[in-house]
PDB file of N, CA and C in Angstrom:
ATOM      1  N   MET A   1     -92.567 -20.109-106.284  1.00  0.00           N
ATOM      2  CA  MET A   1     -93.159 -20.029-107.717  1.00  0.00           C
ATOM      3  C   MET A   1     -92.534 -19.258-108.549  1.00  0.00           C
ATOM      4  N   ALA A   2     -92.196 -20.447-109.385  1.00  0.00           N
ATOM      5  CA  ALA A   2     -91.306 -20.106-110.497  1.00  0.00           C
ATOM      6  C   ALA A   2     -91.868 -18.930-111.646  1.00  0.00           C
ATOM      7  N   ALA A   3     -91.593 -17.812-112.117  1.00  0.00           N
ATOM      8  CA  ALA A   3     -91.739 -16.713-113.121  1.00  0.00           C
ATOM      9  C   ALA A   3     -92.163 -17.506-114.384  1.00  0.00           C
ATOM     10  N   VAL A   4     -93.093 -16.577-115.100  1.00  0.00           N
ATOM     11  CA  VAL A   4     -93.267 -17.269-116.107  1.00  0.00           C
ATOM     12  C   VAL A   4     -92.764 -16.466-117.365  1.00  0.00           C
ATOM     13  N   ARG A   5     -92.177 -17.027-118.671  1.00  0.00           N
ATOM     14  CA  ARG A   5     -91.568 -16.201-119.221  1.00  0.00           C
ATOM     15  C   ARG A   5     -92.198 -16.550-120.683  1.00  0.00           C
ATOM     16  N   ASP A   6     -91.952 -15.474-121.670  1.00  0.00           N
ATOM     17  CA  ASP A   6     -92.638 -15.320-122.506  1.00  0.00           C
ATOM     18  C   ASP A   6     -91.584 -16.252-123.773  1.00  0.00           C
ATOM     19  N   GLU A   7     -91.965 -16.517-125.106  1.00  0.00           N
ATOM     20  CA  GLU A   7     -91.467 -17.136-126.497  1.00  0.00           C
ATOM     21  C   GLU A   7     -89.868 -16.468-126.170  1.00  0.00           C
ATOM     22  N   LYS A   8     -89.763 -15.424-125.992  1.00  0.00           N
ATOM     23  CA  LYS A   8     -88.306 -14.582-126.077  1.00  0.00           C
ATOM     24  C   LYS A   8     -87.803 -14.495-124.814  1.00  0.00           C
ATOM     25  N   GLY A   9     -87.712 -15.438-123.568  1.00  0.00           N
ATOM     26  CA  GLY A   9     -87.242 -15.260-122.564  1.00  0.00           C
ATOM     27  C   GLY A   9     -87.540 -14.021-121.700  1.00  0.00           C
ATOM     28  N   ARG A  10     -88.579 -13.078-122.197  1.00  0.00           N
ATOM     29  CA  ARG A  10     -89.015 -12.444-121.118  1.00  0.00           C
ATOM     30  C   ARG A  10     -89.736 -12.355-119.657  1.00  0.00           C
ATOM     31  N   PHE A  11     -90.020 -11.881-118.753  1.00  0.00           N
ATOM     32  CA  PHE A  11     -91.125 -11.723-117.767  1.00  0.00           C
ATOM     33  C   PHE A  11     -91.693 -11.705-118.390  1.00  0.00           C
ATOM     34  N   ALA A  12     -93.049 -12.686-118.458  1.00  0.00           N
ATOM     35  CA  ALA A  12     -94.800 -12.414-118.977  1.00  0.00           C
ATOM     36  C   ALA A  12     -95.306 -11.542-118.107  1.00  0.00           C
ATOM     37  N   PRO A  13     -96.096 -10.280-118.258  1.00  0.00           N
ATOM     38  CA  PRO A  13     -97.034  -9.503-117.859  1.00  0.00           C
ATOM     39  C   PRO A  13     -97.879 -10.465-116.376  1.00  0.00           C
ATOM     40  N   GLY A  14     -97.445  -9.596-115.348  1.00  0.00           N
ATOM     41  CA  GLY A  14     -97.989 -10.129-113.882  1.00  0.00           C
ATOM     42  C   GLY A  14     -97.147 -10.937-113.055  1.00  0.00           C
ATOM     43  N   SER A  15     -95.609 -11.606-114.176  1.00  0.00           N
ATOM     44  CA  SER A  15     -94.992 -12.337-113.604  1.00  0.00           C
ATOM     45  C   SER A  15     -93.564 -11.764-112.802  1.00  0.00           C
ATOM     46  N   GLY A  16     -93.314 -11.793-112.092  1.00  0.00           N
ATOM     47  CA  GLY A  16     -92.358 -10.924-111.182  1.00  0.00           C
ATOM     48  C   GLY A  16     -90.854 -11.435-111.874  1.00  0.00           C
ATOM     49  N   GLY A  17     -89.661 -11.144-111.374  1.00  0.00           N
ATOM     50  CA  GLY A  17     -88.619 -11.352-111.924  1.00  0.00           C
ATOM     51  C   GLY A  17     -88.102 -12.321-110.554  1.00  0.00           C
ATOM     52  N   GLY A  18     -86.513 -12.318-110.560  1.00  0.00           N
ATOM     53  CA  GLY A  18     -85.906 -12.529-109.323  1.00  0.00           C
ATOM     54  C   GLY A  18     -85.691 -11.851-108.414  1.00  0.00           C
ATOM     55  N   PRO A  19     -84.723 -11.973-107.321  1.00  0.00           N
ATOM     56  CA  PRO A  19     -84.894 -11.223-106.149  1.00  0.00           C
ATOM     57  C   PRO A  19     -84.704 -10.190-106.439  1.00  0.00           C
ATOM     58  N   GLY A  20     -83.450  -9.413-107.387  1.00  0.00           N
ATOM     59  CA  GLY A  20     -83.771  -8.178-108.868  1.00  0.00           C
ATOM     60  C   GLY A  20     -83.198  -7.153-107.035  1.00  0.00           C
ATOM     61  N   ARG A  21     -83.304  -5.885-107.068  1.00  0.00           N
ATOM     62  CA  ARG A  21     -82.140  -4.710-106.485  1.00  0.00           C
ATOM     63  C   ARG A  21     -83.229  -4.872-104.975  1.00  0.00           C
ATOM     64  N   PRO A  22     -82.034  -4.528-104.079  1.00  0.00           N
ATOM     65  CA  PRO A  22     -82.774  -4.933-102.628  1.00  0.00           C
ATOM     66  C   PRO A  22     -84.068  -3.485-102.082  1.00  0.00           C
ATOM     67  N   LYS A  23     -84.670  -3.854-101.218  1.00  0.00           N
ATOM     68  CA  LYS A  23     -85.630  -2.849-101.208  1.00  0.00           C
ATOM     69  C   LYS A  23     -84.743  -1.780-100.488  1.00  0.00           C
ATOM     70  N   ARG A  24     -85.402  -0.382-100.696  1.00  0.00           N
ATOM     71  CA  ARG A  24     -84.876   0.889-100.680  1.00  0.00           C
ATOM     72  C   ARG A  24     -85.048   1.040 -99.073  1.00  0.00           C
ATOM     73  N   GLU A  25     -85.645   0.400 -98.192  1.00  0.00           N
ATOM     74  CA  GLU A  25     -85.888   0.103 -96.854  1.00  0.00           C
ATOM     75  C   GLU A  25     -84.191  -0.241 -96.021  1.00  0.00           C
ATOM     76  N   ARG A  26     -83.949  -1.748 -96.816  1.00  0.00           N
ATOM     77  CA  ARG A  26     -83.128  -2.167 -96.746  1.00  0.00           C
ATOM     78  C   ARG A  26     -81.488  -1.552 -96.742  1.00  0.00           C
ATOM     79  N   GLU A  27     -81.239  -0.642 -97.573  1.00  0.00           N
ATOM     80  CA  GLU A  27     -80.472  -0.116 -98.335  1.00  0.00           C
ATOM     81  C   GLU A  27     -80.294   1.353 -97.093  1.00  0.00           C
ATOM     82  N   ILE A  28     -81.447   2.107 -96.818  1.00  0.00           N
ATOM     83  CA  ILE A  28     -81.229   2.968 -95.895  1.00  0.00           C
ATOM     84  C   ILE A  28     -80.990   2.744 -94.551  1.00  0.00           C
ATOM     85  N   GLU A  29     -81.100   1.302 -94.136  1.00  0.00           N
ATOM     86  CA  GLU A  29     -80.890   0.457 -92.953  1.00  0.00           C
ATOM     87  C   GLU A  29     -78.799   0.396 -92.749  1.00  0.00           C
ATOM     88  N   TYR A  30     -78.448  -0.441 -93.987  1.00  0.00           N
ATOM     89  CA  TYR A  30     -77.211   0.009 -94.166  1.00  0.00           C
ATOM     90  C   TYR A  30     -76.404   0.904 -93.791  1.00  0.00           C
ATOM     91  N   TYR A  31     -76.699   2.271 -94.778  1.00  0.00           N
ATOM     92  CA  TYR A  31     -76.207   2.952 -94.416  1.00  0.00           C
ATOM     93  C   TYR A  31     -76.720   3.899 -93.428  1.00  0.00           C
ATOM     94  N   ARG A  32     -77.558   3.302 -92.427  1.00  0.00           N
ATOM     95  CA  ARG A  32     -77.710   3.776 -91.072  1.00  0.00           C
ATOM     96  C   ARG A  32     -76.398   3.190 -89.971  1.00  0.00           C
ATOM     97  N   ILE A  33     -76.576   2.182 -90.245  1.00  0.00           N
ATOM     98  CA  ILE A  33     -75.144   1.514 -89.449  1.00  0.00           C
ATOM     99  C   ILE A  33     -73.895   1.955 -89.499  1.00  0.00           C
ATOM    100  N   MET A  34     -73.696   1.822 -90.641  1.00  0.00           N
ATOM    101  CA  MET A  34     -72.717   2.953 -91.504  1.00  0.00           C
ATOM    102  C   MET A  34     -72.116   4.181 -91.246  1.00  0.00           C
ATOM    103  N   GLU A  35     -73.147   4.765 -91.188  1.00  0.00           N
ATOM    104  CA  GLU A  35     -73.001   6.180 -90.682  1.00  0.00           C
ATOM    105  C   GLU A  35     -73.417   6.236 -89.186  1.00  0.00           C
ATOM    106  N   THR A  36     -73.744   5.258 -88.130  1.00  0.00           N
ATOM    107  CA  THR A  36     -72.919   5.146 -86.937  1.00  0.00           C
ATOM    108  C   THR A  36     -71.921   4.640 -86.251  1.00  0.00           C
ATOM    109  N   THR A  37     -71.164   3.730 -87.708  1.00  0.00           N
ATOM    110  CA  THR A  37     -70.019   3.191 -87.268  1.00  0.00           C
ATOM    111  C   THR A  37     -68.844   3.913 -87.831  1.00  0.00           C
ATOM    112  N   VAL A  38     -69.094   4.026 -88.630  1.00  0.00           N
ATOM    113  CA  VAL A  38     -67.641   4.635 -89.361  1.00  0.00           C
ATOM    114  C   VAL A  38     -67.706   6.470 -88.902  1.00  0.00           C
ATOM    115  N   THR A  39     -67.202   7.635 -87.776  1.00  0.00           N
ATOM    116  CA  THR A  39     -67.595   8.604 -87.264  1.00  0.00           C
ATOM    117  C   THR A  39     -66.366   9.337 -88.211  1.00  0.00           C
ATOM    118  N   ALA A  40     -66.992  10.869 -88.131  1.00  0.00           N
ATOM    119  CA  ALA A  40     -66.149  11.547 -88.827  1.00  0.00           C
ATOM    120  C   ALA A  40     -64.465  11.606 -88.542  1.00  0.00           C
ATOM    121  N   ALA A  41     -64.426  11.478 -87.801  1.00  0.00           N
ATOM    122  CA  ALA A  41     -62.783  11.573 -87.518  1.00  0.00           C
ATOM    123  C   ALA A  41     -62.150  10.311 -88.231  1.00  0.00           C
ATOM    124  N   ALA A  42     -62.776   9.013 -87.583  1.00  0.00           N
ATOM    125  CA  ALA A  42     -62.155   7.520 -88.646  1.00  0.00           C
ATOM    126  C   ALA A  42     -62.331   7.733 -89.708  1.00  0.00           C
ATOM    127  N   TRP A  43     -63.056   8.678 -90.636  1.00  0.00           N
ATOM    128  CA  TRP A  43     -62.907   8.527 -92.067  1.00  0.00           C
ATOM    129  C   TRP A  43     -62.147   9.511 -91.990  1.00  0.00           C
ATOM    130  N   ARG A  44     -61.646  10.532 -91.982  1.00  0.00           N
ATOM    131  CA  ARG A  44     -60.345  11.048 -92.193  1.00  0.00           C
ATOM    132  C   ARG A  44     -59.481  10.389 -91.968  1.00  0.00           C
ATOM    133  N   ALA A  45     -59.211   9.762 -91.012  1.00  0.00           N
ATOM    134  CA  ALA A  45     -57.872   8.656 -90.789  1.00  0.00           C
ATOM    135  C   ALA A  45     -58.139   7.487 -91.685  1.00  0.00           C
ATOM    136  N   ILE A  46     -59.329   7.395 -92.436  1.00  0.00           N
ATOM    137  CA  ILE A  46     -58.447   6.341 -93.330  1.00  0.00           C
ATOM    138  C   ILE A  46     -58.973   6.978 -94.640  1.00  0.00           C
ATOM    139  N   ILE A  47     -58.628   8.169 -94.941  1.00  0.00           N
ATOM    140  CA  ILE A  47     -58.287   8.985 -96.318  1.00  0.00           C
ATOM    141  C   ILE A  47     -57.262   9.527 -96.139  1.00  0.00           C
ATOM    142  N   VAL A  48     -56.776   9.771 -94.661  1.00  0.00           N
ATOM    143  CA  VAL A  48     -55.072  10.283 -94.665  1.00  0.00           C
ATOM    144  C   VAL A  48     -54.459   9.261 -95.079  1.00  0.00           C
ATOM    145  N   LYS A  49     -54.968   7.746 -94.510  1.00  0.00           N
ATOM    146  CA  LYS A  49     -54.023   6.870 -94.932  1.00  0.00           C
ATOM    147  C   LYS A  49     -54.182   6.072 -96.182  1.00  0.00           C
ATOM    148  N   ALA A  50     -54.968   6.444 -96.827  1.00  0.00           N
ATOM    149  CA  ALA A  50     -55.192   6.397 -98.693  1.00  0.00           C
ATOM    150  C   ALA A  50     -54.002   7.082 -99.437  1.00  0.00           C
ATOM    151  N   VAL A  51     -54.429   8.518 -98.625  1.00  0.00           N
ATOM    152  CA  VAL A  51     -53.564   9.591 -99.434  1.00  0.00           C
ATOM    153  C   VAL A  51     -52.280   9.070 -99.132  1.00  0.00           C
ATOM    154  N   GLU A  52     -51.997   8.423 -97.831  1.00  0.00           N
ATOM    155  CA  GLU A  52     -49.962   8.509 -97.637  1.00  0.00           C
ATOM    156  C   GLU A  52     -49.784   7.273 -98.922  1.00  0.00           C
ATOM    157  N   GLN A  53     -50.349   5.892 -98.881  1.00  0.00           N
ATOM    158  CA  GLN A  53     -50.033   4.772 -99.433  1.00  0.00           C
ATOM    159  C   GLN A  53     -50.436   5.219-100.980  1.00  0.00           C
ATOM    160  N   ALA A  54     -51.183   6.251-101.880  1.00  0.00           N
ATOM    161  CA  ALA A  54     -51.113   6.600-102.890  1.00  0.00           C
ATOM    162  C   ALA A  54     -50.035   7.390-103.185  1.00  0.00           C
ATOM    163  N   LYS A  55     -49.068   8.339-102.215  1.00  0.00           N
ATOM    164  CA  LYS A  55     -48.038   8.730-102.282  1.00  0.00           C
ATOM    165  C   LYS A  55     -46.762   7.857-102.739  1.00  0.00           C
ATOM    166  N   ARG A  56     -47.079   6.506-101.967  1.00  0.00           N
ATOM    167  CA  ARG A  56     -46.071   5.973-102.233  1.00  0.00           C
ATOM    168  C   ARG A  56     -45.964   4.811-103.268  1.00  0.00           C
ATOM    169  N   GLY A  57     -46.643   5.224-104.040  1.00  0.00           N
ATOM    170  CA  GLY A  57     -47.225   4.771-105.773  1.00  0.00           C
ATOM    171  C   GLY A  57     -48.609   3.124-105.713  1.00  0.00           C
ATOM    172  N   ASP A  58     -49.106   3.160-103.899  1.00  0.00           N
ATOM    173  CA  ASP A  58     -49.853   2.257-104.138  1.00  0.00           C
ATOM    174  C   ASP A  58     -51.274   2.584-105.108  1.00  0.00           C
ATOM    175  N   ALA A  59     -51.419   1.517-106.385  1.00  0.00           N
ATOM    176  CA  ALA A  59     -52.642   1.721-107.307  1.00  0.00           C
ATOM    177  C   ALA A  59     -53.651   1.643-106.740  1.00  0.00           C
ATOM    178  N   VAL A  60     -53.933   0.780-105.954  1.00  0.00           N
ATOM    179  CA  VAL A  60     -55.577   0.473-105.149  1.00  0.00           C
ATOM    180  C   VAL A  60     -55.428   1.658-104.387  1.00  0.00           C
ATOM    181  N   ALA A  61     -54.544   2.517-103.949  1.00  0.00           N
ATOM    182  CA  ALA A  61     -55.286   3.765-102.843  1.00  0.00           C
ATOM    183  C   ALA A  61     -55.116   4.953-103.927  1.00  0.00           C
ATOM    184  N   ARG A  62     -54.564   4.895-105.171  1.00  0.00           N
ATOM    185  CA  ARG A  62     -54.790   6.155-106.025  1.00  0.00           C
ATOM    186  C   ARG A  62     -56.343   5.944-106.689  1.00  0.00           C
ATOM    187  N   LYS A  63     -56.731   4.853-106.809  1.00  0.00           N
ATOM    188  CA  LYS A  63     -57.728   4.379-107.670  1.00  0.00           C
ATOM    189  C   LYS A  63     -58.755   4.946-106.577  1.00  0.00           C
ATOM    190  N   PHE A  64     -58.714   4.092-105.270  1.00  0.00           N
ATOM    191  CA  PHE A  64     -60.050   4.828-104.592  1.00  0.00           C
ATOM    192  C   PHE A  64     -60.162   6.243-104.083  1.00  0.00           C
ATOM    193  N   ILE A  65     -58.582   6.842-104.580  1.00  0.00           N
ATOM    194  CA  ILE A  65     -59.038   8.153-103.953  1.00  0.00           C
ATOM    195  C   ILE A  65     -59.643   8.716-105.651  1.00  0.00           C
ATOM    196  N   ALA A  66     -59.062   8.564-106.755  1.00  0.00           N
ATOM    197  CA  ALA A  66     -59.683   9.729-107.658  1.00  0.00           C
ATOM    198  C   ALA A  66     -61.174   8.686-108.343  1.00  0.00           C
ATOM    199  N   ASP A  67     -61.729   7.681-107.483  1.00  0.00           N
ATOM    200  CA  ASP A  67     -62.983   7.278-107.537  1.00  0.00           C
ATOM    201  C   ASP A  67     -63.879   8.068-106.897  1.00  0.00           C
ATOM    202  N   TYR A  68     -63.371   8.777-105.592  1.00  0.00           N
ATOM    203  CA  TYR A  68     -63.984   9.473-104.396  1.00  0.00           C
ATOM    204  C   TYR A  68     -64.056  11.293-105.487  1.00  0.00           C
ATOM    205  N   LEU A  69     -62.856  11.609-105.572  1.00  0.00           N
ATOM    206  CA  LEU A  69     -62.920  12.564-106.177  1.00  0.00           C
ATOM    207  C   LEU A  69     -63.259  13.002-107.500  1.00  0.00           C
ATOM    208  N   ILE A  70     -63.381  12.006-108.384  1.00  0.00           N
ATOM    209  CA  ILE A  70     -63.660  12.459-109.512  1.00  0.00           C
ATOM    210  C   ILE A  70     -64.857  11.324-110.587  1.00  0.00           C
ATOM    211  N   GLY A  71     -64.607  10.169-109.985  1.00  0.00           N
ATOM    212  CA  GLY A  71     -65.730   9.266-109.946  1.00  0.00           C
ATOM    213  C   GLY A  71     -64.859   8.107-111.122  1.00  0.00           C
ATOM    214  N   THR A  72     -66.058   7.010-111.577  1.00  0.00           N
ATOM    215  CA  THR A  72     -64.715   6.044-112.117  1.00  0.00           C
ATOM    216  C   THR A  72     -65.062   6.296-113.856  1.00  0.00           C
ATOM    217  N   PRO A  73     -64.030   6.429-114.486  1.00  0.00           N
ATOM    218  CA  PRO A  73     -64.477   6.974-115.577  1.00  0.00           C
ATOM    219  C   PRO A  73     -65.416   5.857-116.650  1.00  0.00           C
ATOM    220  N   PRO A  74     -65.833   6.586-117.338  1.00  0.00           N
ATOM    221  CA  PRO A  74     -66.849   5.305-118.400  1.00  0.00           C
ATOM    222  C   PRO A  74     -65.976   4.228-119.178  1.00  0.00           C
ATOM    223  N   GLN A  75     -66.831   3.128-119.256  1.00  0.00           N
ATOM    224  CA  GLN A  75     -66.345   2.079-119.777  1.00  0.00           C
ATOM    225  C   GLN A  75     -66.139   2.107-121.132  1.00  0.00           C
ATOM    226  N   ARG A  76     -65.318   2.015-122.010  1.00  0.00           N
ATOM    227  CA  ARG A  76     -65.268   2.147-123.496  1.00  0.00           C
ATOM    228  C   ARG A  76     -65.083   0.447-124.319  1.00  0.00           C
ATOM    229  N   HIS A  77     -65.927  -0.132-124.755  1.00  0.00           N
ATOM    230  CA  HIS A  77     -65.938  -1.694-126.151  1.00  0.00           C
ATOM    231  C   HIS A  77     -66.184  -0.375-127.486  1.00  0.00           C
ATOM    232  N   GLU A  78     -65.371  -1.486-128.144  1.00  0.00           N
ATOM    233  CA  GLU A  78     -64.702  -1.750-129.454  1.00  0.00           C
ATOM    234  C   GLU A  78     -65.577  -2.938-129.919  1.00  0.00           C
ATOM    235  N   LEU A  79     -66.719  -2.660-130.870  1.00  0.00           N
ATOM    236  CA  LEU A  79     -67.385  -3.932-131.353  1.00  0.00           C
ATOM    237  C   LEU A  79     -65.866  -3.995-132.707  1.00  0.00           C
ATOM    238  N   THR A  80     -66.705  -5.684-132.965  1.00  0.00           N
ATOM    239  CA  THR A  80     -65.545  -5.882-134.234  1.00  0.00           C
ATOM    240  C   THR A  80     -66.256  -6.865-135.227  1.00  0.00           C
ATOM    241  N   GLY A  81     -66.197  -7.143-135.843  1.00  0.00           N
ATOM    242  CA  GLY A  81     -67.360  -8.386-136.871  1.00  0.00           C
ATOM    243  C   GLY A  81     -66.310  -9.405-136.723  1.00  0.00           C
ATOM    244  N   ALA A  82     -67.214 -10.648-137.395  1.00  0.00           N
ATOM    245  CA  ALA A  82     -66.725 -12.267-137.025  1.00  0.00           C
ATOM    246  C   ALA A  82     -65.159 -12.318-137.707  1.00  0.00           C
ATOM    247  N   ASP A  83     -64.953 -11.111-138.380  1.00  0.00           N
ATOM    248  CA  ASP A  83     -63.531 -11.481-139.109  1.00  0.00           C
ATOM    249  C   ASP A  83     -62.615 -10.296-137.907  1.00  0.00           C
ATOM    250  N   GLY A  84     -62.820 -10.247-137.081  1.00  0.00           N
ATOM    251  CA  GLY A  84     -61.712  -8.976-136.638  1.00  0.00           C
ATOM    252  C   GLY A  84     -61.984  -8.060-136.662  1.00  0.00           C
ATOM    253  N   ASP A  85     -62.419  -6.822-137.936  1.00  0.00           N
ATOM    254  CA  ASP A  85     -62.749  -5.945-138.744  1.00  0.00           C
ATOM    255  C   ASP A  85     -63.625  -5.017-137.521  1.00  0.00           C
ATOM    256  N   PRO A  86     -62.794  -3.761-137.662  1.00  0.00           N
ATOM    257  CA  PRO A  86     -64.553  -2.945-136.895  1.00  0.00           C
ATOM    258  C   PRO A  86     -65.409  -2.984-137.531  1.00  0.00           C
ATOM    259  N   LEU A  87     -66.424  -3.008-136.754  1.00  0.00           N
ATOM    260  CA  LEU A  87     -67.787  -2.792-137.673  1.00  0.00           C
ATOM    261  C   LEU A  87     -67.811  -1.777-138.688  1.00  0.00           C
ATOM    262  N   LYS A  88     -68.782  -1.702-139.332  1.00  0.00           N
ATOM    263  CA  LYS A  88     -69.145  -0.610-140.670  1.00  0.00           C
ATOM    264  C   LYS A  88     -70.687  -0.465-140.421  1.00  0.00           C
ATOM    265  N   VAL A  89     -70.876   1.054-139.970  1.00  0.00           N
ATOM    266  CA  VAL A  89     -72.640   0.784-140.049  1.00  0.00           C
ATOM    267  C   VAL A  89     -72.720   1.890-140.987  1.00  0.00           C
ATOM    268  N   GLN A  90     -74.040   1.376-141.929  1.00  0.00           N
ATOM    269  CA  GLN A  90     -74.658   1.922-143.172  1.00  0.00           C
ATOM    270  C   GLN A  90     -76.154   2.786-142.766  1.00  0.00           C
ATOM    271  N   ILE A  91     -76.113   4.018-142.922  1.00  0.00           N
ATOM    272  CA  ILE A  91     -77.224   4.391-143.148  1.00  0.00           C
ATOM    273  C   ILE A  91     -77.966   4.213-144.345  1.00  0.00           C
ATOM    274  N   ILE A  92     -79.334   3.419-143.960  1.00  0.00           N
ATOM    275  CA  ILE A  92     -79.841   3.362-145.469  1.00  0.00           C
ATOM    276  C   ILE A  92     -80.619   4.222-145.726  1.00  0.00           C
ATOM    277  N   GLU A  93     -81.610   4.768-144.939  1.00  0.00           N
ATOM    278  CA  GLU A  93     -82.663   5.595-144.912  1.00  0.00           C
ATOM    279  C   GLU A  93     -82.938   6.819-144.137  1.00  0.00           C
ATOM    280  N   VAL A  94     -83.508   7.766-143.444  1.00  0.00           N
ATOM    281  CA  VAL A  94     -83.704   8.964-142.822  1.00  0.00           C
ATOM    282  C   VAL A  94     -85.077   8.825-143.036  1.00  0.00           C
ATOM    283  N   VAL A  95     -85.797   8.515-141.569  1.00  0.00           N
ATOM    284  CA  VAL A  95     -87.498   8.699-142.015  1.00  0.00           C
ATOM    285  C   VAL A  95     -87.763   9.355-140.585  1.00  0.00           C
ATOM    286  N   LYS A  96     -88.488  10.813-140.671  1.00  0.00           N
ATOM    287  CA  LYS A  96     -88.426  11.655-140.242  1.00  0.00           C
ATOM    288  C   LYS A  96     -90.168  10.941-139.170  1.00  0.00           C
ATOM    289  N   SER A  97     -90.095  11.290-138.230  1.00  0.00           N
ATOM    290  CA  SER A  97     -91.635  10.578-137.007  1.00  0.00           C
ATOM    291  C   SER A  97     -92.727  11.963-138.015  1.00  0.00           C
ATOM    292  N   GLY A  98     -93.740  10.918-138.201  1.00  0.00           N
ATOM    293  CA  GLY A  98     -94.739  11.044-138.940  1.00  0.00           C
ATOM    294  C   GLY A  98     -95.121  10.916-140.063  1.00  0.00           C
ATOM    295  N   GLU A  99     -93.997  10.678-140.793  1.00  0.00           N
ATOM    296  CA  GLU A  99     -94.271  10.750-142.372  1.00  0.00           C
ATOM    297  C   GLU A  99     -94.337   9.615-142.938  1.00  0.00           C
TER     298      GLU A  99
END
């Protein structure tokens, strides 16, 4: 059955969306498979190899290690107007809640 949407393209109340995010049970199952397949010794060997590759200049290995150690950097996006110039924001009025 197709999902029903309103005039703005949003899902109508009571109408489910697409396949969406996998069920939590499925994630747990995949985690258990990986946990039982990749032993601590195997993971250590993978990390040692990645460190060796990173030291030799492998950018993918450096990124892999950095992502695990310090996480991925936040993404920055610069928004521009139609003419390519930076967008200008003008605050016209500030209204306090309850006024």
